[in-house]
Amino acid sequence: MASRLGSPGEYVDYAASKGAIDTLTTGLSLEVAAQGIRVNCVRPGFIYTEMHASGGEPGRVDRVKSNIPMQRGGQAEEVAQAIVWLLSDKASYVTGSFIDLAGGK
């Protein structure tokens, strides 16, 4: 999993580490595709999880949801459904791809 958004003063270091996962996803998918191994990345946006509370801002998703085109935060179940799809045979030709679950942001 990765994140592609970083905001000044808000988890910039976290977003940078997730940027490294993007590079790893692309490179590794190219290295192992011929062996039938698929490598993909799910990039959640603002999701209602305990991560924000443990970071000291439990209401963060509600604070920023007006900036999200869909006007809401995502649910962990929505992220899980994307992962389940990627693991399924329905995604058997998908590799080196990124799924952004960010409500259009």
N, C-alpha and C. Protein backbone atom coordinates (compact mmCIF):
# COMPACT_ATOMS: atom_id res chain seq x y z
N MET A 1 0.83 -1.17 0.00
CA MET A 1 0.00 0.00 0.00
C MET A 1 0.88 1.24 0.00
N ALA A 2 0.38 2.24 -0.66
CA ALA A 2 1.11 3.50 -0.73
C ALA A 2 0.14 4.66 -0.66
N SER A 3 0.71 5.82 -0.55
CA SER A 3 -0.07 7.05 -0.56
C SER A 3 0.64 8.00 -1.51
N ARG A 4 -0.11 8.79 -2.25
CA ARG A 4 0.55 9.70 -3.18
C ARG A 4 0.39 11.15 -2.80
N LEU A 5 -0.25 11.42 -1.67
CA LEU A 5 -0.48 12.80 -1.25
C LEU A 5 0.37 13.14 -0.04
N GLY A 6 0.93 14.31 -0.05
CA GLY A 6 1.65 14.82 1.11
C GLY A 6 1.26 16.27 1.28
N SER A 7 0.93 16.66 2.47
CA SER A 7 0.54 18.04 2.74
C SER A 7 1.55 18.67 3.68
N PRO A 8 1.89 19.94 3.48
CA PRO A 8 2.85 20.59 4.36
C PRO A 8 2.46 20.43 5.83
N GLY A 9 3.38 19.95 6.62
CA GLY A 9 3.14 19.78 8.05
C GLY A 9 2.24 18.61 8.41
N GLU A 10 1.87 17.79 7.44
CA GLU A 10 0.96 16.67 7.71
C GLU A 10 1.48 15.39 7.06
N TYR A 11 2.22 14.63 7.79
CA TYR A 11 2.64 13.30 7.34
C TYR A 11 3.49 13.33 6.07
N VAL A 12 4.27 14.37 5.84
CA VAL A 12 5.09 14.45 4.64
C VAL A 12 6.09 13.29 4.60
N ASP A 13 6.68 12.97 5.73
CA ASP A 13 7.63 11.86 5.78
C ASP A 13 6.94 10.54 5.44
N TYR A 14 5.73 10.37 5.91
CA TYR A 14 4.95 9.16 5.62
C TYR A 14 4.67 9.07 4.12
N ALA A 15 4.24 10.16 3.52
CA ALA A 15 3.94 10.17 2.08
C ALA A 15 5.20 9.88 1.27
N ALA A 16 6.34 10.41 1.69
CA ALA A 16 7.60 10.17 0.98
C ALA A 16 7.96 8.69 1.00
N SER A 17 7.76 8.04 2.14
CA SER A 17 8.07 6.61 2.22
C SER A 17 7.16 5.81 1.31
N LYS A 18 5.94 6.26 1.17
CA LYS A 18 5.01 5.57 0.28
C LYS A 18 5.38 5.79 -1.18
N GLY A 19 5.99 6.93 -1.50
CA GLY A 19 6.48 7.16 -2.85
C GLY A 19 7.52 6.12 -3.24
N ALA A 20 8.31 5.69 -2.28
CA ALA A 20 9.29 4.64 -2.54
C ALA A 20 8.59 3.33 -2.90
N ILE A 21 7.43 3.09 -2.32
CA ILE A 21 6.68 1.88 -2.64
C ILE A 21 6.20 1.92 -4.09
N ASP A 22 5.86 3.11 -4.59
CA ASP A 22 5.49 3.23 -6.01
C ASP A 22 6.63 2.75 -6.90
N THR A 23 7.83 3.22 -6.62
CA THR A 23 8.99 2.83 -7.42
C THR A 23 9.25 1.33 -7.30
N LEU A 24 9.14 0.80 -6.11
CA LEU A 24 9.32 -0.64 -5.90
C LEU A 24 8.28 -1.43 -6.68
N THR A 25 7.03 -0.98 -6.66
CA THR A 25 5.97 -1.67 -7.38
C THR A 25 6.27 -1.75 -8.87
N THR A 26 6.65 -0.63 -9.45
CA THR A 26 6.94 -0.59 -10.89
C THR A 26 8.13 -1.48 -11.23
N GLY A 27 9.22 -1.30 -10.51
CA GLY A 27 10.43 -2.07 -10.80
C GLY A 27 10.26 -3.56 -10.59
N LEU A 28 9.68 -3.93 -9.45
CA LEU A 28 9.52 -5.34 -9.14
C LEU A 28 8.54 -6.01 -10.09
N SER A 29 7.49 -5.30 -10.48
CA SER A 29 6.53 -5.90 -11.42
C SER A 29 7.21 -6.24 -12.74
N LEU A 30 8.12 -5.40 -13.19
CA LEU A 30 8.85 -5.66 -14.43
C LEU A 30 9.81 -6.84 -14.27
N GLU A 31 10.40 -6.96 -13.10
CA GLU A 31 11.37 -8.04 -12.86
C GLU A 31 10.73 -9.42 -12.81
N VAL A 32 9.52 -9.52 -12.28
CA VAL A 32 8.95 -10.84 -12.01
C VAL A 32 7.74 -11.20 -12.88
N ALA A 33 7.33 -10.32 -13.77
CA ALA A 33 6.15 -10.59 -14.61
C ALA A 33 6.31 -11.86 -15.44
N ALA A 34 7.48 -12.10 -15.99
CA ALA A 34 7.71 -13.27 -16.83
C ALA A 34 7.53 -14.58 -16.07
N GLN A 35 7.65 -14.54 -14.76
CA GLN A 35 7.44 -15.74 -13.94
C GLN A 35 5.99 -15.88 -13.50
N GLY A 36 5.12 -14.99 -13.99
CA GLY A 36 3.70 -15.06 -13.65
C GLY A 36 3.37 -14.44 -12.31
N ILE A 37 4.29 -13.68 -11.76
CA ILE A 37 4.06 -13.02 -10.48
C ILE A 37 3.56 -11.61 -10.75
N ARG A 38 2.45 -11.27 -10.11
CA ARG A 38 1.87 -9.94 -10.30
C ARG A 38 2.18 -9.08 -9.08
N VAL A 39 2.55 -7.84 -9.34
CA VAL A 39 2.85 -6.87 -8.29
C VAL A 39 2.04 -5.62 -8.57
N ASN A 40 1.19 -5.26 -7.65
CA ASN A 40 0.34 -4.08 -7.79
C ASN A 40 0.34 -3.30 -6.50
N CYS A 41 -0.21 -2.11 -6.55
CA CYS A 41 -0.20 -1.24 -5.38
C CYS A 41 -1.56 -0.60 -5.18
N VAL A 42 -2.06 -0.65 -3.98
CA VAL A 42 -3.29 0.04 -3.60
C VAL A 42 -2.88 1.28 -2.82
N ARG A 43 -3.39 2.44 -3.25
CA ARG A 43 -3.02 3.71 -2.62
C ARG A 43 -4.25 4.37 -2.01
N PRO A 44 -4.52 4.08 -0.74
CA PRO A 44 -5.67 4.70 -0.09
C PRO A 44 -5.44 6.18 0.19
N GLY A 45 -6.50 6.93 0.09
CA GLY A 45 -6.46 8.34 0.46
C GLY A 45 -6.86 8.49 1.92
N PHE A 46 -7.81 9.36 2.17
CA PHE A 46 -8.27 9.58 3.54
C PHE A 46 -9.30 8.52 3.89
N ILE A 47 -8.87 7.56 4.70
CA ILE A 47 -9.69 6.41 5.08
C ILE A 47 -9.93 6.48 6.59
N TYR A 48 -11.15 6.20 6.99
CA TYR A 48 -11.47 6.17 8.42
C TYR A 48 -10.79 4.95 9.06
N THR A 49 -9.65 5.19 9.71
CA THR A 49 -8.94 4.14 10.44
C THR A 49 -8.40 4.74 11.73
N GLU A 50 -7.82 3.89 12.54
CA GLU A 50 -7.23 4.34 13.80
C GLU A 50 -5.90 5.06 13.60
N MET A 51 -5.34 5.02 12.39
CA MET A 51 -4.05 5.66 12.15
C MET A 51 -4.09 7.14 12.51
N HIS A 52 -5.16 7.80 12.17
CA HIS A 52 -5.25 9.24 12.45
C HIS A 52 -5.33 9.51 13.95
N ALA A 53 -6.06 8.68 14.67
CA ALA A 53 -6.14 8.84 16.12
C ALA A 53 -4.78 8.60 16.76
N SER A 54 -4.06 7.58 16.29
CA SER A 54 -2.75 7.30 16.87
C SER A 54 -1.75 8.39 16.53
N GLY A 55 -2.01 9.14 15.46
CA GLY A 55 -1.17 10.27 15.09
C GLY A 55 -1.58 11.55 15.78
N GLY A 56 -2.59 11.47 16.65
CA GLY A 56 -3.01 12.63 17.43
C GLY A 56 -4.13 13.46 16.82
N GLU A 57 -4.70 12.98 15.71
CA GLU A 57 -5.78 13.74 15.10
C GLU A 57 -6.91 12.80 14.66
N PRO A 58 -7.72 12.35 15.61
CA PRO A 58 -8.77 11.38 15.28
C PRO A 58 -9.82 11.93 14.30
N GLY A 59 -10.01 13.23 14.23
CA GLY A 59 -11.01 13.81 13.33
C GLY A 59 -10.45 14.28 12.00
N ARG A 60 -9.27 13.81 11.64
CA ARG A 60 -8.59 14.32 10.43
C ARG A 60 -9.41 14.09 9.17
N VAL A 61 -9.97 12.92 8.98
CA VAL A 61 -10.73 12.64 7.76
C VAL A 61 -11.92 13.59 7.65
N ASP A 62 -12.62 13.79 8.74
CA ASP A 62 -13.76 14.71 8.71
C ASP A 62 -13.31 16.14 8.43
N ARG A 63 -12.13 16.49 8.91
CA ARG A 63 -11.61 17.85 8.69
C ARG A 63 -11.32 18.11 7.22
N VAL A 64 -10.85 17.12 6.50
CA VAL A 64 -10.43 17.33 5.11
C VAL A 64 -11.45 16.87 4.07
N LYS A 65 -12.51 16.24 4.47
CA LYS A 65 -13.42 15.64 3.48
C LYS A 65 -14.05 16.64 2.53
N SER A 66 -14.14 17.90 2.92
CA SER A 66 -14.68 18.90 1.99
C SER A 66 -13.75 19.15 0.81
N ASN A 67 -12.49 18.75 0.93
CA ASN A 67 -11.52 18.88 -0.16
C ASN A 67 -11.47 17.65 -1.06
N ILE A 68 -12.23 16.63 -0.73
CA ILE A 68 -12.28 15.40 -1.51
C ILE A 68 -13.45 15.51 -2.49
N PRO A 69 -13.24 15.27 -3.78
CA PRO A 69 -14.33 15.41 -4.74
C PRO A 69 -15.61 14.65 -4.36
N MET A 70 -15.49 13.48 -3.77
CA MET A 70 -16.68 12.72 -3.37
C MET A 70 -17.25 13.20 -2.03
N GLN A 71 -16.58 14.17 -1.40
CA GLN A 71 -17.05 14.80 -0.17
C GLN A 71 -17.18 13.84 1.01
N ARG A 72 -16.36 12.80 1.04
CA ARG A 72 -16.38 11.86 2.16
C ARG A 72 -15.06 11.14 2.24
N GLY A 73 -14.80 10.59 3.42
CA GLY A 73 -13.65 9.71 3.58
C GLY A 73 -14.03 8.30 3.18
N GLY A 74 -13.03 7.49 2.93
CA GLY A 74 -13.28 6.11 2.56
C GLY A 74 -13.35 5.20 3.77
N GLN A 75 -13.81 4.01 3.53
CA GLN A 75 -13.91 2.99 4.58
C GLN A 75 -12.87 1.90 4.33
N ALA A 76 -12.37 1.32 5.40
CA ALA A 76 -11.38 0.25 5.28
C ALA A 76 -11.91 -0.90 4.42
N GLU A 77 -13.20 -1.16 4.50
CA GLU A 77 -13.82 -2.22 3.70
C GLU A 77 -13.65 -1.95 2.20
N GLU A 78 -13.70 -0.69 1.80
CA GLU A 78 -13.53 -0.34 0.39
C GLU A 78 -12.10 -0.63 -0.08
N VAL A 79 -11.15 -0.39 0.79
CA VAL A 79 -9.76 -0.72 0.48
C VAL A 79 -9.60 -2.23 0.38
N ALA A 80 -10.18 -2.93 1.33
CA ALA A 80 -10.10 -4.40 1.34
C ALA A 80 -10.69 -5.00 0.07
N GLN A 81 -11.80 -4.44 -0.41
CA GLN A 81 -12.43 -4.96 -1.63
C GLN A 81 -11.51 -4.82 -2.84
N ALA A 82 -10.78 -3.73 -2.91
CA ALA A 82 -9.83 -3.54 -4.02
C ALA A 82 -8.71 -4.58 -3.94
N ILE A 83 -8.23 -4.84 -2.74
CA ILE A 83 -7.17 -5.83 -2.56
C ILE A 83 -7.66 -7.22 -2.92
N VAL A 84 -8.86 -7.56 -2.48
CA VAL A 84 -9.44 -8.87 -2.81
C VAL A 84 -9.56 -9.03 -4.32
N TRP A 85 -9.99 -7.97 -5.01
CA TRP A 85 -10.09 -8.03 -6.47
C TRP A 85 -8.72 -8.27 -7.10
N LEU A 86 -7.70 -7.55 -6.64
CA LEU A 86 -6.36 -7.73 -7.19
C LEU A 86 -5.84 -9.16 -6.97
N LEU A 87 -6.24 -9.77 -5.89
CA LEU A 87 -5.81 -11.14 -5.60
C LEU A 87 -6.60 -12.19 -6.37
N SER A 88 -7.70 -11.78 -6.97
CA SER A 88 -8.58 -12.72 -7.65
C SER A 88 -8.13 -12.99 -9.09
N ASP A 89 -8.70 -14.04 -9.68
CA ASP A 89 -8.43 -14.36 -11.07
C ASP A 89 -8.96 -13.28 -12.01
N LYS A 90 -9.91 -12.48 -11.55
CA LYS A 90 -10.46 -11.40 -12.38
C LYS A 90 -9.40 -10.34 -12.69
N ALA A 91 -8.35 -10.31 -11.91
CA ALA A 91 -7.26 -9.34 -12.13
C ALA A 91 -6.00 -10.05 -12.62
N SER A 92 -6.16 -11.18 -13.27
CA SER A 92 -5.00 -12.00 -13.64
C SER A 92 -4.06 -11.35 -14.65
N TYR A 93 -4.51 -10.31 -15.35
CA TYR A 93 -3.66 -9.63 -16.33
C TYR A 93 -3.20 -8.27 -15.82
N VAL A 94 -3.40 -8.03 -14.55
CA VAL A 94 -3.06 -6.73 -13.95
C VAL A 94 -1.74 -6.87 -13.20
N THR A 95 -0.76 -6.11 -13.62
CA THR A 95 0.51 -6.05 -12.90
C THR A 95 1.16 -4.70 -13.14
N GLY A 96 1.89 -4.23 -12.16
CA GLY A 96 2.53 -2.92 -12.26
C GLY A 96 1.54 -1.78 -12.21
N SER A 97 0.39 -2.04 -11.65
CA SER A 97 -0.69 -1.05 -11.62
C SER A 97 -0.90 -0.47 -10.24
N PHE A 98 -1.54 0.69 -10.24
CA PHE A 98 -1.84 1.41 -9.00
C PHE A 98 -3.34 1.66 -8.96
N ILE A 99 -3.94 1.35 -7.83
CA ILE A 99 -5.35 1.67 -7.63
C ILE A 99 -5.42 2.74 -6.56
N ASP A 100 -5.88 3.92 -6.96
CA ASP A 100 -6.05 5.03 -6.02
C ASP A 100 -7.46 4.98 -5.46
N LEU A 101 -7.54 4.84 -4.15
CA LEU A 101 -8.82 4.84 -3.45
C LEU A 101 -8.88 6.13 -2.65
N ALA A 102 -9.18 7.21 -3.33
CA ALA A 102 -9.06 8.52 -2.71
C ALA A 102 -10.24 9.43 -3.01
N GLY A 103 -11.35 8.87 -3.42
CA GLY A 103 -12.54 9.68 -3.64
C GLY A 103 -12.39 10.72 -4.74
N GLY A 104 -11.46 10.49 -5.65
CA GLY A 104 -11.24 11.43 -6.75
C GLY A 104 -10.13 12.43 -6.52
N LYS A 105 -9.50 12.38 -5.36
CA LYS A 105 -8.42 13.34 -5.04
C LYS A 105 -7.11 12.87 -5.61
